[in-house]
Every structure is written in structure tokens, then in C-alpha cells.
Amino acid sequence: MYDVIALGELLVDFTGSGESVQGNPLFEANPGGAPCNVLAMLARLGRTTAFVGKVGNDLFGRLLDGALQEARIGDAGLVLDASAHTTLAFVRNALDGEREFSFYRDPGADELLRAEELPRPVLENTRIFHFGSLSLTREPVRAATRTAVDIARAAGAIVSFDPNLRPALWADPAKAREQMLWGCGVCDILKVAEEELAFLTGCEDVFEGAGALRRDFPKIKLLLITQGKDGSTALWQDLTVSRPTYLQIKAVDTTGAGDTFCGACLHHVLQYGLDGFDGERLAEMLSFANAAASLITAKKGALRSMPEPEAIWRLLAEGPQAGAAG
């Protein structure tokens, strides 16, 4: 029995790394992809995980397979496809740590995963099944994602969803919203950034948007909202809890911060169960997840940069402080 299985994209994030002596930009090849970043945080916390998805049978695909093994993420559901290239993403970081993406994915191997390639025994033996919206952008991976959700739910798994909006990967914003709302309708846990919440609901106010989502999708038991420098909020039953972030950590790359937060929250769901929260436990979860997400922004990349539990506990002991966030 796995703790968490995730399905979706496994790719290479090429992150800016200075200039060559000739003045040309240099990029570092960082293993990434939101679902696998979530698993990397969970594996760092001692959870048993596995990834379901497809990469190219090429230089980058083999690099990524090795990165999964290094991170102690099971690769029983990883398919290598010689007919397509591994998806690549070039990431430009602004001075404030925010990002601009250029994707090379038309199609990428991750979009070509077929329902018949799904590892059914793996999907039937997990406590939580997690997925994101990038596996909903086109067929055949959209159908494979929906099939995987059905298999995991039928076997009793908790379903977790992260909309993870990347406008450049959708030809039509209306289609993006349609597919993301489908994900909201099948999940028990929804992790959403405040800008994604506004995109889905049309509400600029976080709490108004959260109320709209909960009215439209009563199946969602735990709603997690990341709010950048303003911290995060969790809504569970009739409780709403917010916690600040750790501004003393200078951000150099925000890639994977939301995924790190999500993995840390799923760790607490595994600990307490979806019905075992109260105000104190929600606050504990958010503080832990905020600390983990803050720490990863001090490094470049995501999958190989997850914070150690000891570093998270040290930052928690220090407490949130006013300071110069990068």
C-alpha cells in the first residue's frame, strides 16, 4: 500500500544560472514537474510514493528516471516512449523570485500517456491519489487521467487535485477552466493558489472565492489556498484557519514552492485522516507547509531541492518574522 500516488508531468526545468564567459545565458537542468515535486516532499518526509506518467526514451527521460530513484519515488508507473521527446520548460526568474515559463511540449511525451498503460495494481493500492491540470490539456493523457481517478476512487483512495494554471499550455482559457473545474468536482482535497482561485470563480477576494468553490463543489473536504507572501489558508468543515509565511527566507526561485506546500499538507492528511482535523491541527499543518515552501525558495529547482525535516522544524522554532523576502 502506497501513501501517495501522483499522475502527470515529469519534465526538466531549465533554470537561469548566470552567464558564460562569452556573455551567453546559462541554464541548469533541474528535474521537475508539479506532481513529482509533491512526491519528492512526501518522500523526504518518509512517505512511500510512486509516480505514474510518461517521458521520452531520450537523454532527458533517462535523467528523470534516475532522479525519481534518487528521490526514493517509485517508478513502477513510469513509461519511456521512444516516439516522443521529454517535455522541457525554460524558466526565467525575476528579481522578486516570480517566474516566466517557455514550454517545449507539442506534444511532449507526458501528453501521450494512454489509459491502457496505467498500472492498475498501483492505483488500486494507495491512500491518496494526486493529480494536476497539465495532464488534462489534451488527449490521450486527459482520458488516462480520468480513468486513473476512477480506479483510485473505486479502491477507496482520497483524491487530491492542484489546478496549477499554466496559460501558455492551453489554446483556450475557457477550456482550461472547464477541465480544472472537472478536477474540482472529483477531488476530496483541493490545493489552489489565490490567482487560480480567481480564475476559477471570478472572485478577486480569496474568502469569497473559497465560499463559491465550496458551494459549487461540496465534495471538497479540505480546501488549501496559497497566498504567496501572505501565507496560506485552510478551510475544513466550518473552520477557516490562516497562517503567515516565513519572510526571513530570501527567495531566489519560487519553482516548486506550491508543490512543496501541497506535499507537506498531504503528509498531515496521512497523519490525521481527512476527518481528524481541528483548528489546532489545521494551524500546525499550515505552519509546517509554509515553512517547507519558504525553504525551497532559497534554492534553484524543486525535485532535488526539497528541505530536510530538521530544517523545517528549525524554521518553525524560529517562527515567522518580518524581513526582506527576496
C-alpha atoms as a PDB file:
ATOM      1  CA  MET A   1       0.000   0.000   0.000  1.00  0.00           C
ATOM      2  CA  TYR A   2       1.478   3.349  -1.066  1.00  0.00           C
ATOM      3  CA  ASP A   3       0.877   6.527   0.871  1.00  0.00           C
ATOM      4  CA  VAL A   4       0.566   8.699  -2.246  1.00  0.00           C
ATOM      5  CA  ILE A   5       0.493   8.042  -5.982  1.00  0.00           C
ATOM      6  CA  ALA A   6       0.686  11.021  -8.357  1.00  0.00           C
ATOM      7  CA  LEU A   7      -0.032  11.171 -12.075  1.00  0.00           C
ATOM      8  CA  GLY A   8       1.031  13.858 -14.507  1.00  0.00           C
ATOM      9  CA  GLU A   9       4.054  15.559 -15.991  1.00  0.00           C
ATOM     10  CA  LEU A  10       7.686  14.752 -15.256  1.00  0.00           C
ATOM     11  CA  LEU A  11       9.907  17.240 -17.055  1.00  0.00           C
ATOM     12  CA  VAL A  12      13.138  19.206 -16.997  1.00  0.00           C
ATOM     13  CA  ASP A  13      13.058  22.781 -15.713  1.00  0.00           C
ATOM     14  CA  PHE A  14      15.933  24.722 -17.267  1.00  0.00           C
ATOM     15  CA  THR A  15      16.556  27.460 -14.717  1.00  0.00           C
ATOM     16  CA  GLY A  16      18.705  30.502 -15.409  1.00  0.00           C
ATOM     17  CA  SER A  17      22.186  30.095 -13.918  1.00  0.00           C
ATOM     18  CA  GLY A  18      24.147  33.191 -14.847  1.00  0.00           C
ATOM     19  CA  GLU A  19      26.204  33.800 -17.974  1.00  0.00           C
ATOM     20  CA  SER A  20      29.137  32.157 -19.728  1.00  0.00           C
ATOM     21  CA  VAL A  21      32.427  33.962 -20.214  1.00  0.00           C
ATOM     22  CA  GLN A  22      31.105  34.941 -23.658  1.00  0.00           C
ATOM     23  CA  GLY A  23      28.063  36.571 -22.065  1.00  0.00           C
ATOM     24  CA  ASN A  24      25.600  33.852 -23.125  1.00  0.00           C
ATOM     25  CA  PRO A  25      22.852  32.824 -20.700  1.00  0.00           C
ATOM     26  CA  LEU A  26      23.428  29.529 -18.867  1.00  0.00           C
ATOM     27  CA  PHE A  27      20.621  27.195 -17.788  1.00  0.00           C
ATOM     28  CA  GLU A  28      20.732  24.408 -15.214  1.00  0.00           C
ATOM     29  CA  ALA A  29      18.717  21.256 -15.971  1.00  0.00           C
ATOM     30  CA  ASN A  30      16.569  20.648 -12.884  1.00  0.00           C
ATOM     31  CA  PRO A  31      14.261  17.602 -12.679  1.00  0.00           C
ATOM     32  CA  GLY A  32      10.721  18.774 -12.010  1.00  0.00           C
ATOM     33  CA  GLY A  33       7.032  18.599 -12.791  1.00  0.00           C
ATOM     34  CA  ALA A  34       4.425  19.538 -10.195  1.00  0.00           C
ATOM     35  CA  PRO A  35       3.102  16.045  -9.306  1.00  0.00           C
ATOM     36  CA  CYS A  36       6.621  14.661  -8.838  1.00  0.00           C
ATOM     37  CA  ASN A  37       7.654  17.673  -6.787  1.00  0.00           C
ATOM     38  CA  VAL A  38       4.777  16.854  -4.414  1.00  0.00           C
ATOM     39  CA  LEU A  39       6.005  13.269  -4.179  1.00  0.00           C
ATOM     40  CA  ALA A  40       9.587  14.405  -3.557  1.00  0.00           C
ATOM     41  CA  MET A  41       8.492  16.367  -0.483  1.00  0.00           C
ATOM     42  CA  LEU A  42       6.481  13.410   0.782  1.00  0.00           C
ATOM     43  CA  ALA A  43       9.378  11.011   0.210  1.00  0.00           C
ATOM     44  CA  ARG A  44      11.670  13.395   2.114  1.00  0.00           C
ATOM     45  CA  LEU A  45       9.184  13.122   4.987  1.00  0.00           C
ATOM     46  CA  GLY A  46       9.396   9.324   4.916  1.00  0.00           C
ATOM     47  CA  ARG A  47       6.229   8.571   2.949  1.00  0.00           C
ATOM     48  CA  THR A  48       6.006   5.780   0.342  1.00  0.00           C
ATOM     49  CA  THR A  49       5.227   7.212  -3.075  1.00  0.00           C
ATOM     50  CA  ALA A  50       5.144   6.336  -6.765  1.00  0.00           C
ATOM     51  CA  PHE A  51       4.721   8.282  -9.989  1.00  0.00           C
ATOM     52  CA  VAL A  52       2.523   7.471 -12.993  1.00  0.00           C
ATOM     53  CA  GLY A  53       3.374   9.175 -16.274  1.00  0.00           C
ATOM     54  CA  LYS A  54       5.399   9.143 -19.462  1.00  0.00           C
ATOM     55  CA  VAL A  55       8.736  10.592 -20.554  1.00  0.00           C
ATOM     56  CA  GLY A  56      10.689  10.242 -23.759  1.00  0.00           C
ATOM     57  CA  ASN A  57      13.179   7.404 -24.093  1.00  0.00           C
ATOM     58  CA  ASP A  58      15.865  10.017 -24.568  1.00  0.00           C
ATOM     59  CA  LEU A  59      18.669  11.713 -22.654  1.00  0.00           C
ATOM     60  CA  PHE A  60      16.274  13.759 -20.527  1.00  0.00           C
ATOM     61  CA  GLY A  61      13.823  10.933 -19.902  1.00  0.00           C
ATOM     62  CA  ARG A  62      16.569   8.698 -18.557  1.00  0.00           C
ATOM     63  CA  LEU A  63      17.880  11.573 -16.433  1.00  0.00           C
ATOM     64  CA  LEU A  64      14.417  11.968 -14.932  1.00  0.00           C
ATOM     65  CA  ASP A  65      14.038   8.251 -14.234  1.00  0.00           C
ATOM     66  CA  GLY A  66      17.304   8.408 -12.338  1.00  0.00           C
ATOM     67  CA  ALA A  67      16.097  11.453 -10.413  1.00  0.00           C
ATOM     68  CA  LEU A  68      12.981   9.553  -9.289  1.00  0.00           C
ATOM     69  CA  GLN A  69      15.074   6.712  -7.963  1.00  0.00           C
ATOM     70  CA  GLU A  70      17.440   9.142  -6.234  1.00  0.00           C
ATOM     71  CA  ALA A  71      14.446  10.824  -4.549  1.00  0.00           C
ATOM     72  CA  ARG A  72      13.052   7.416  -3.474  1.00  0.00           C
ATOM     73  CA  ILE A  73       9.946   7.840  -5.630  1.00  0.00           C
ATOM     74  CA  GLY A  74       8.707   4.584  -7.097  1.00  0.00           C
ATOM     75  CA  ASP A  75       8.872   4.435 -10.905  1.00  0.00           C
ATOM     76  CA  ALA A  76       6.681   1.366 -11.482  1.00  0.00           C
ATOM     77  CA  GLY A  77       4.196   3.609 -13.317  1.00  0.00           C
ATOM     78  CA  LEU A  78       6.777   5.426 -15.454  1.00  0.00           C
ATOM     79  CA  VAL A  79       6.601   4.734 -19.197  1.00  0.00           C
ATOM     80  CA  LEU A  80       9.503   5.575 -21.544  1.00  0.00           C
ATOM     81  CA  ASP A  81       8.322   6.342 -25.082  1.00  0.00           C
ATOM     82  CA  ALA A  82      10.773   6.357 -27.989  1.00  0.00           C
ATOM     83  CA  SER A  83       8.282   8.134 -30.259  1.00  0.00           C
ATOM     84  CA  ALA A  84       8.205  11.467 -28.401  1.00  0.00           C
ATOM     85  CA  HIS A  85      10.577  13.794 -26.612  1.00  0.00           C
ATOM     86  CA  THR A  86      10.541  14.574 -22.911  1.00  0.00           C
ATOM     87  CA  THR A  87       8.844  17.878 -22.128  1.00  0.00           C
ATOM     88  CA  LEU A  88      11.194  20.772 -21.344  1.00  0.00           C
ATOM     89  CA  ALA A  89      10.445  24.051 -19.581  1.00  0.00           C
ATOM     90  CA  PHE A  90      12.738  27.077 -19.581  1.00  0.00           C
ATOM     91  CA  VAL A  91      12.197  29.238 -16.517  1.00  0.00           C
ATOM     92  CA  ARG A  92      13.171  32.881 -16.180  1.00  0.00           C
ATOM     93  CA  ASN A  93      13.204  34.219 -12.637  1.00  0.00           C
ATOM     94  CA  ALA A  94      12.527  37.887 -11.954  1.00  0.00           C
ATOM     95  CA  LEU A  95      14.238  39.751  -9.118  1.00  0.00           C
ATOM     96  CA  ASP A  96      11.264  39.060  -6.830  1.00  0.00           C
ATOM     97  CA  GLY A  97      11.507  35.303  -7.459  1.00  0.00           C
ATOM     98  CA  GLU A  98       8.466  35.109  -9.743  1.00  0.00           C
ATOM     99  CA  ARG A  99       8.706  33.090 -12.940  1.00  0.00           C
ATOM    100  CA  GLU A 100       8.135  33.195 -16.673  1.00  0.00           C
ATOM    101  CA  PHE A 101       7.869  29.833 -18.484  1.00  0.00           C
ATOM    102  CA  SER A 102       8.637  28.729 -22.040  1.00  0.00           C
ATOM    103  CA  PHE A 103       7.475  25.147 -22.648  1.00  0.00           C
ATOM    104  CA  TYR A 104       8.676  22.732 -25.342  1.00  0.00           C
ATOM    105  CA  ARG A 105       5.738  20.327 -25.410  1.00  0.00           C
ATOM    106  CA  ASP A 106       3.837  19.932 -28.689  1.00  0.00           C
ATOM    107  CA  PRO A 107       3.336  17.170 -27.887  1.00  0.00           C
ATOM    108  CA  GLY A 108       5.602  16.143 -25.061  1.00  0.00           C
ATOM    109  CA  ALA A 109       5.809  12.516 -24.041  1.00  0.00           C
ATOM    110  CA  ASP A 110       3.764  13.221 -20.891  1.00  0.00           C
ATOM    111  CA  GLU A 111       0.754  14.139 -23.074  1.00  0.00           C
ATOM    112  CA  LEU A 112       0.817  10.741 -24.782  1.00  0.00           C
ATOM    113  CA  LEU A 113       0.119   8.518 -21.773  1.00  0.00           C
ATOM    114  CA  ARG A 114      -2.771   6.178 -22.668  1.00  0.00           C
ATOM    115  CA  ALA A 115      -5.346   4.655 -20.341  1.00  0.00           C
ATOM    116  CA  GLU A 116      -4.206   1.135 -21.247  1.00  0.00           C
ATOM    117  CA  GLU A 117      -0.703   1.990 -19.983  1.00  0.00           C
ATOM    118  CA  LEU A 118      -1.915   2.772 -16.466  1.00  0.00           C
ATOM    119  CA  PRO A 119      -0.559   0.473 -13.702  1.00  0.00           C
ATOM    120  CA  ARG A 120      -3.909  -0.573 -12.255  1.00  0.00           C
ATOM    121  CA  PRO A 121      -2.463  -2.540  -9.275  1.00  0.00           C
ATOM    122  CA  VAL A 122      -0.514   0.564  -8.221  1.00  0.00           C
ATOM    123  CA  LEU A 123      -3.553   2.833  -8.498  1.00  0.00           C
ATOM    124  CA  GLU A 124      -5.659   0.378  -6.518  1.00  0.00           C
ATOM    125  CA  ASN A 125      -3.207   0.375  -3.622  1.00  0.00           C
ATOM    126  CA  THR A 126      -2.730   3.944  -2.476  1.00  0.00           C
ATOM    127  CA  ARG A 127      -4.141   6.009   0.381  1.00  0.00           C
ATOM    128  CA  ILE A 128      -4.059   9.232  -1.649  1.00  0.00           C
ATOM    129  CA  PHE A 129      -4.132   9.799  -5.411  1.00  0.00           C
ATOM    130  CA  HIS A 130      -2.862  13.227  -6.535  1.00  0.00           C
ATOM    131  CA  PHE A 131      -3.002  14.887  -9.945  1.00  0.00           C
ATOM    132  CA  GLY A 132      -2.811  18.304 -11.576  1.00  0.00           C
ATOM    133  CA  SER A 133      -4.232  20.122 -14.567  1.00  0.00           C
ATOM    134  CA  LEU A 134      -1.342  19.669 -17.026  1.00  0.00           C
ATOM    135  CA  SER A 135      -2.482  16.094 -17.648  1.00  0.00           C
ATOM    136  CA  LEU A 136      -5.870  17.491 -18.736  1.00  0.00           C
ATOM    137  CA  THR A 137      -4.582  19.705 -21.568  1.00  0.00           C
ATOM    138  CA  ARG A 138      -5.130  17.194 -24.403  1.00  0.00           C
ATOM    139  CA  GLU A 139      -5.787  13.600 -25.347  1.00  0.00           C
ATOM    140  CA  PRO A 140      -4.842  10.827 -24.757  1.00  0.00           C
ATOM    141  CA  VAL A 141      -3.488  11.790 -21.322  1.00  0.00           C
ATOM    142  CA  ARG A 142      -6.770  13.507 -20.398  1.00  0.00           C
ATOM    143  CA  ALA A 143      -8.662  10.219 -20.761  1.00  0.00           C
ATOM    144  CA  ALA A 144      -5.873   8.386 -18.914  1.00  0.00           C
ATOM    145  CA  THR A 145      -6.146  10.868 -16.028  1.00  0.00           C
ATOM    146  CA  ARG A 146      -9.898  10.450 -15.753  1.00  0.00           C
ATOM    147  CA  THR A 147      -9.545   6.675 -15.834  1.00  0.00           C
ATOM    148  CA  ALA A 148      -6.873   6.786 -13.122  1.00  0.00           C
ATOM    149  CA  VAL A 149      -9.114   8.938 -10.901  1.00  0.00           C
ATOM    150  CA  ASP A 150     -11.940   6.429 -11.336  1.00  0.00           C
ATOM    151  CA  ILE A 151      -9.689   3.481 -10.479  1.00  0.00           C
ATOM    152  CA  ALA A 152      -8.231   5.121  -7.381  1.00  0.00           C
ATOM    153  CA  ARG A 153     -11.606   6.366  -6.108  1.00  0.00           C
ATOM    154  CA  ALA A 154     -13.213   2.953  -6.608  1.00  0.00           C
ATOM    155  CA  ALA A 155     -10.408   1.440  -4.496  1.00  0.00           C
ATOM    156  CA  GLY A 156     -11.106   3.914  -1.669  1.00  0.00           C
ATOM    157  CA  ALA A 157      -8.304   6.438  -2.178  1.00  0.00           C
ATOM    158  CA  ILE A 158      -8.565  10.082  -1.158  1.00  0.00           C
ATOM    159  CA  VAL A 159      -8.282  12.219  -4.307  1.00  0.00           C
ATOM    160  CA  SER A 160      -6.134  15.376  -4.269  1.00  0.00           C
ATOM    161  CA  PHE A 161      -6.078  17.969  -7.087  1.00  0.00           C
ATOM    162  CA  ASP A 162      -3.933  21.017  -7.892  1.00  0.00           C
ATOM    163  CA  PRO A 163      -5.184  23.183 -10.813  1.00  0.00           C
ATOM    164  CA  ASN A 164      -1.641  24.565 -11.371  1.00  0.00           C
ATOM    165  CA  LEU A 165      -2.625  27.033 -14.104  1.00  0.00           C
ATOM    166  CA  ARG A 166      -0.098  27.464 -16.935  1.00  0.00           C
ATOM    167  CA  PRO A 167      -1.874  29.653 -19.540  1.00  0.00           C
ATOM    168  CA  ALA A 168       0.775  29.015 -22.230  1.00  0.00           C
ATOM    169  CA  LEU A 169      -0.211  25.337 -22.360  1.00  0.00           C
ATOM    170  CA  TRP A 170      -3.880  25.984 -23.147  1.00  0.00           C
ATOM    171  CA  ALA A 171      -5.119  27.169 -26.541  1.00  0.00           C
ATOM    172  CA  ASP A 172      -8.378  28.349 -24.963  1.00  0.00           C
ATOM    173  CA  PRO A 173      -8.684  29.726 -21.401  1.00  0.00           C
ATOM    174  CA  ALA A 174     -12.328  28.601 -21.324  1.00  0.00           C
ATOM    175  CA  LYS A 175     -11.202  25.013 -21.963  1.00  0.00           C
ATOM    176  CA  ALA A 176      -8.633  25.324 -19.182  1.00  0.00           C
ATOM    177  CA  ARG A 177     -11.298  26.467 -16.768  1.00  0.00           C
ATOM    178  CA  GLU A 178     -13.672  23.685 -17.855  1.00  0.00           C
ATOM    179  CA  GLN A 179     -11.080  20.974 -17.239  1.00  0.00           C
ATOM    180  CA  MET A 180      -9.933  22.467 -13.947  1.00  0.00           C
ATOM    181  CA  LEU A 181     -13.498  22.644 -12.690  1.00  0.00           C
ATOM    182  CA  TRP A 182     -13.884  18.968 -13.594  1.00  0.00           C
ATOM    183  CA  GLY A 183     -10.905  18.279 -11.314  1.00  0.00           C
ATOM    184  CA  CYS A 184     -12.540  20.311  -8.544  1.00  0.00           C
ATOM    185  CA  GLY A 185     -15.617  18.142  -8.900  1.00  0.00           C
ATOM    186  CA  VAL A 186     -13.846  14.825  -8.332  1.00  0.00           C
ATOM    187  CA  CYS A 187     -11.414  15.700  -5.535  1.00  0.00           C
ATOM    188  CA  ASP A 188     -11.567  15.490  -1.750  1.00  0.00           C
ATOM    189  CA  ILE A 189      -8.592  17.842  -1.310  1.00  0.00           C
ATOM    190  CA  LEU A 190      -8.094  20.943  -3.451  1.00  0.00           C
ATOM    191  CA  LYS A 191      -4.873  22.931  -3.275  1.00  0.00           C
ATOM    192  CA  VAL A 192      -5.200  26.188  -5.191  1.00  0.00           C
ATOM    193  CA  ALA A 193      -3.159  29.397  -5.476  1.00  0.00           C
ATOM    194  CA  GLU A 194      -5.063  32.642  -4.980  1.00  0.00           C
ATOM    195  CA  GLU A 195      -4.689  33.631  -8.655  1.00  0.00           C
ATOM    196  CA  GLU A 196      -6.059  30.229  -9.703  1.00  0.00           C
ATOM    197  CA  LEU A 197      -8.965  30.686  -7.313  1.00  0.00           C
ATOM    198  CA  ALA A 198      -9.793  33.988  -9.023  1.00  0.00           C
ATOM    199  CA  PHE A 199      -9.526  32.326 -12.454  1.00  0.00           C
ATOM    200  CA  LEU A 200     -11.906  29.535 -11.466  1.00  0.00           C
ATOM    201  CA  THR A 201     -14.515  31.605  -9.623  1.00  0.00           C
ATOM    202  CA  GLY A 202     -14.208  35.163 -10.957  1.00  0.00           C
ATOM    203  CA  CYS A 203     -13.861  36.366  -7.351  1.00  0.00           C
ATOM    204  CA  GLU A 204     -10.881  38.564  -6.503  1.00  0.00           C
ATOM    205  CA  ASP A 205     -11.486  38.213  -2.762  1.00  0.00           C
ATOM    206  CA  VAL A 206      -9.946  34.968  -1.507  1.00  0.00           C
ATOM    207  CA  PHE A 207     -12.662  34.167   1.009  1.00  0.00           C
ATOM    208  CA  GLU A 208     -15.471  34.997  -1.405  1.00  0.00           C
ATOM    209  CA  GLY A 209     -13.859  32.707  -3.982  1.00  0.00           C
ATOM    210  CA  ALA A 210     -13.404  29.950  -1.416  1.00  0.00           C
ATOM    211  CA  GLY A 211     -17.080  30.191  -0.477  1.00  0.00           C
ATOM    212  CA  ALA A 212     -18.112  29.956  -4.133  1.00  0.00           C
ATOM    213  CA  LEU A 213     -15.984  26.851  -4.695  1.00  0.00           C
ATOM    214  CA  ARG A 214     -17.302  25.120  -1.606  1.00  0.00           C
ATOM    215  CA  ARG A 215     -20.903  25.843  -2.606  1.00  0.00           C
ATOM    216  CA  ASP A 216     -20.340  24.506  -6.123  1.00  0.00           C
ATOM    217  CA  PHE A 217     -18.266  21.508  -5.054  1.00  0.00           C
ATOM    218  CA  PRO A 218     -19.458  20.222  -1.670  1.00  0.00           C
ATOM    219  CA  LYS A 219     -17.389  17.039  -2.151  1.00  0.00           C
ATOM    220  CA  ILE A 220     -14.228  19.036  -1.335  1.00  0.00           C
ATOM    221  CA  LYS A 221     -13.445  18.266   2.311  1.00  0.00           C
ATOM    222  CA  LEU A 222     -10.198  20.237   2.617  1.00  0.00           C
ATOM    223  CA  LEU A 223      -9.549  23.423   0.651  1.00  0.00           C
ATOM    224  CA  LEU A 224      -5.977  24.747   0.755  1.00  0.00           C
ATOM    225  CA  ILE A 225      -5.189  28.221  -0.581  1.00  0.00           C
ATOM    226  CA  THR A 226      -1.631  29.524  -1.040  1.00  0.00           C
ATOM    227  CA  GLN A 227      -1.296  33.302  -0.903  1.00  0.00           C
ATOM    228  CA  GLY A 228       2.371  33.984  -1.598  1.00  0.00           C
ATOM    229  CA  LYS A 229       3.895  36.379   0.923  1.00  0.00           C
ATOM    230  CA  ASP A 230       0.556  36.473   2.755  1.00  0.00           C
ATOM    231  CA  GLY A 231       0.873  32.840   3.814  1.00  0.00           C
ATOM    232  CA  SER A 232      -1.903  30.295   3.374  1.00  0.00           C
ATOM    233  CA  THR A 233      -5.437  29.392   4.412  1.00  0.00           C
ATOM    234  CA  ALA A 234      -7.186  26.076   5.037  1.00  0.00           C
ATOM    235  CA  LEU A 235     -10.944  25.521   5.073  1.00  0.00           C
ATOM    236  CA  TRP A 236     -12.276  22.315   6.634  1.00  0.00           C
ATOM    237  CA  GLN A 237     -15.878  21.786   7.698  1.00  0.00           C
ATOM    238  CA  ASP A 238     -16.900  25.057   9.376  1.00  0.00           C
ATOM    239  CA  LEU A 239     -13.312  26.058  10.256  1.00  0.00           C
ATOM    240  CA  THR A 240     -11.155  28.612   8.435  1.00  0.00           C
ATOM    241  CA  VAL A 241      -7.530  28.909   9.557  1.00  0.00           C
ATOM    242  CA  SER A 242      -4.787  31.149   8.129  1.00  0.00           C
ATOM    243  CA  ARG A 243      -1.087  31.171   8.928  1.00  0.00           C
ATOM    244  CA  PRO A 244       1.711  33.563   7.898  1.00  0.00           C
ATOM    245  CA  THR A 245       4.733  32.595   5.865  1.00  0.00           C
ATOM    246  CA  TYR A 246       8.422  32.970   6.730  1.00  0.00           C
ATOM    247  CA  LEU A 247       9.581  36.244   5.219  1.00  0.00           C
ATOM    248  CA  GLN A 248      13.093  35.929   6.650  1.00  0.00           C
ATOM    249  CA  ILE A 249      13.878  33.405   3.891  1.00  0.00           C
ATOM    250  CA  LYS A 250      15.179  35.211   0.806  1.00  0.00           C
ATOM    251  CA  ALA A 251      13.566  33.775  -2.328  1.00  0.00           C
ATOM    252  CA  VAL A 252      15.758  33.087  -5.354  1.00  0.00           C
ATOM    253  CA  ASP A 253      13.431  30.681  -7.191  1.00  0.00           C
ATOM    254  CA  THR A 254       9.764  30.032  -6.372  1.00  0.00           C
ATOM    255  CA  THR A 255       9.578  26.953  -8.626  1.00  0.00           C
ATOM    256  CA  GLY A 256       8.033  24.115  -6.648  1.00  0.00           C
ATOM    257  CA  ALA A 257       7.005  26.178  -3.622  1.00  0.00           C
ATOM    258  CA  GLY A 258       3.326  25.355  -4.064  1.00  0.00           C
ATOM    259  CA  ASP A 259       4.143  21.696  -4.672  1.00  0.00           C
ATOM    260  CA  THR A 260       6.266  21.577  -1.522  1.00  0.00           C
ATOM    261  CA  PHE A 261       3.373  23.122   0.409  1.00  0.00           C
ATOM    262  CA  CYS A 262       0.986  20.555  -1.049  1.00  0.00           C
ATOM    263  CA  GLY A 263       3.238  17.616  -0.190  1.00  0.00           C
ATOM    264  CA  ALA A 264       3.617  18.837   3.391  1.00  0.00           C
ATOM    265  CA  CYS A 265      -0.160  19.164   3.743  1.00  0.00           C
ATOM    266  CA  LEU A 266      -0.773  15.671   2.351  1.00  0.00           C
ATOM    267  CA  HIS A 267       1.722  14.406   4.930  1.00  0.00           C
ATOM    268  CA  HIS A 268      -0.581  15.762   7.651  1.00  0.00           C
ATOM    269  CA  VAL A 269      -3.671  14.290   5.989  1.00  0.00           C
ATOM    270  CA  LEU A 270      -1.933  10.913   6.123  1.00  0.00           C
ATOM    271  CA  GLN A 271      -1.184  11.515   9.791  1.00  0.00           C
ATOM    272  CA  TYR A 272      -4.632  12.634  10.931  1.00  0.00           C
ATOM    273  CA  GLY A 273      -7.050  11.486   8.227  1.00  0.00           C
ATOM    274  CA  LEU A 274      -9.434  13.815   6.428  1.00  0.00           C
ATOM    275  CA  ASP A 275     -11.898  13.641   9.316  1.00  0.00           C
ATOM    276  CA  GLY A 276      -9.321  14.090  12.083  1.00  0.00           C
ATOM    277  CA  PHE A 277      -8.609  17.814  11.928  1.00  0.00           C
ATOM    278  CA  ASP A 278      -9.455  20.626  14.306  1.00  0.00           C
ATOM    279  CA  GLY A 279      -8.300  24.235  14.484  1.00  0.00           C
ATOM    280  CA  GLU A 280      -5.015  23.385  16.192  1.00  0.00           C
ATOM    281  CA  ARG A 281      -4.123  20.655  13.704  1.00  0.00           C
ATOM    282  CA  LEU A 282      -5.005  22.845  10.737  1.00  0.00           C
ATOM    283  CA  ALA A 283      -2.720  25.577  12.082  1.00  0.00           C
ATOM    284  CA  GLU A 284       0.046  23.020  12.680  1.00  0.00           C
ATOM    285  CA  MET A 285      -0.303  21.744   9.111  1.00  0.00           C
ATOM    286  CA  LEU A 286      -0.217  25.217   7.555  1.00  0.00           C
ATOM    287  CA  SER A 287       2.759  26.392   9.607  1.00  0.00           C
ATOM    288  CA  PHE A 288       4.727  23.270   8.678  1.00  0.00           C
ATOM    289  CA  ALA A 289       3.788  23.560   4.997  1.00  0.00           C
ATOM    290  CA  ASN A 290       4.559  27.295   4.885  1.00  0.00           C
ATOM    291  CA  ALA A 291       7.986  26.670   6.412  1.00  0.00           C
ATOM    292  CA  ALA A 292       8.775  23.923   3.916  1.00  0.00           C
ATOM    293  CA  ALA A 293       7.627  26.073   0.981  1.00  0.00           C
ATOM    294  CA  SER A 294       9.669  29.045   2.203  1.00  0.00           C
ATOM    295  CA  LEU A 295      12.824  26.951   2.490  1.00  0.00           C
ATOM    296  CA  ILE A 296      12.652  25.613  -1.052  1.00  0.00           C
ATOM    297  CA  THR A 297      12.508  29.126  -2.499  1.00  0.00           C
ATOM    298  CA  ALA A 298      16.056  29.700  -1.228  1.00  0.00           C
ATOM    299  CA  LYS A 299      17.325  27.121  -3.762  1.00  0.00           C
ATOM    300  CA  LYS A 300      17.003  26.669  -7.513  1.00  0.00           C
ATOM    301  CA  GLY A 301      14.951  23.789  -8.843  1.00  0.00           C
ATOM    302  CA  ALA A 302      12.443  21.672  -6.985  1.00  0.00           C
ATOM    303  CA  LEU A 303      12.562  17.879  -7.081  1.00  0.00           C
ATOM    304  CA  ARG A 304      16.166  17.680  -5.823  1.00  0.00           C
ATOM    305  CA  SER A 305      15.852  20.722  -3.531  1.00  0.00           C
ATOM    306  CA  MET A 306      13.233  19.595  -1.027  1.00  0.00           C
ATOM    307  CA  PRO A 307      14.030  20.676   2.541  1.00  0.00           C
ATOM    308  CA  GLU A 308      15.040  18.165   5.167  1.00  0.00           C
ATOM    309  CA  PRO A 309      12.523  17.712   8.025  1.00  0.00           C
ATOM    310  CA  GLU A 310      15.111  19.004  10.506  1.00  0.00           C
ATOM    311  CA  ALA A 311      15.415  22.293   8.592  1.00  0.00           C
ATOM    312  CA  ILE A 312      11.639  22.693   8.598  1.00  0.00           C
ATOM    313  CA  TRP A 313      11.471  22.149  12.367  1.00  0.00           C
ATOM    314  CA  ARG A 314      14.277  24.655  12.944  1.00  0.00           C
ATOM    315  CA  LEU A 315      12.419  27.310  10.955  1.00  0.00           C
ATOM    316  CA  LEU A 316       9.207  26.507  12.826  1.00  0.00           C
ATOM    317  CA  ALA A 317      11.021  27.016  16.127  1.00  0.00           C
ATOM    318  CA  GLU A 318      12.335  30.353  14.882  1.00  0.00           C
ATOM    319  CA  GLY A 319       8.835  31.460  13.918  1.00  0.00           C
ATOM    320  CA  PRO A 320       7.631  33.812  11.165  1.00  0.00           C
ATOM    321  CA  GLN A 321       9.495  37.091  11.210  1.00  0.00           C
ATOM    322  CA  ALA A 322       9.161  40.346   9.331  1.00  0.00           C
ATOM    323  CA  GLY A 323      12.072  40.638   6.956  1.00  0.00           C
ATOM    324  CA  ALA A 324      13.243  41.162   3.427  1.00  0.00           C
ATOM    325  CA  ALA A 325      11.750  38.390   1.330  1.00  0.00           C
ATOM    326  CA  GLY A 326      13.627  38.202  -1.947  1.00  0.00           C
END
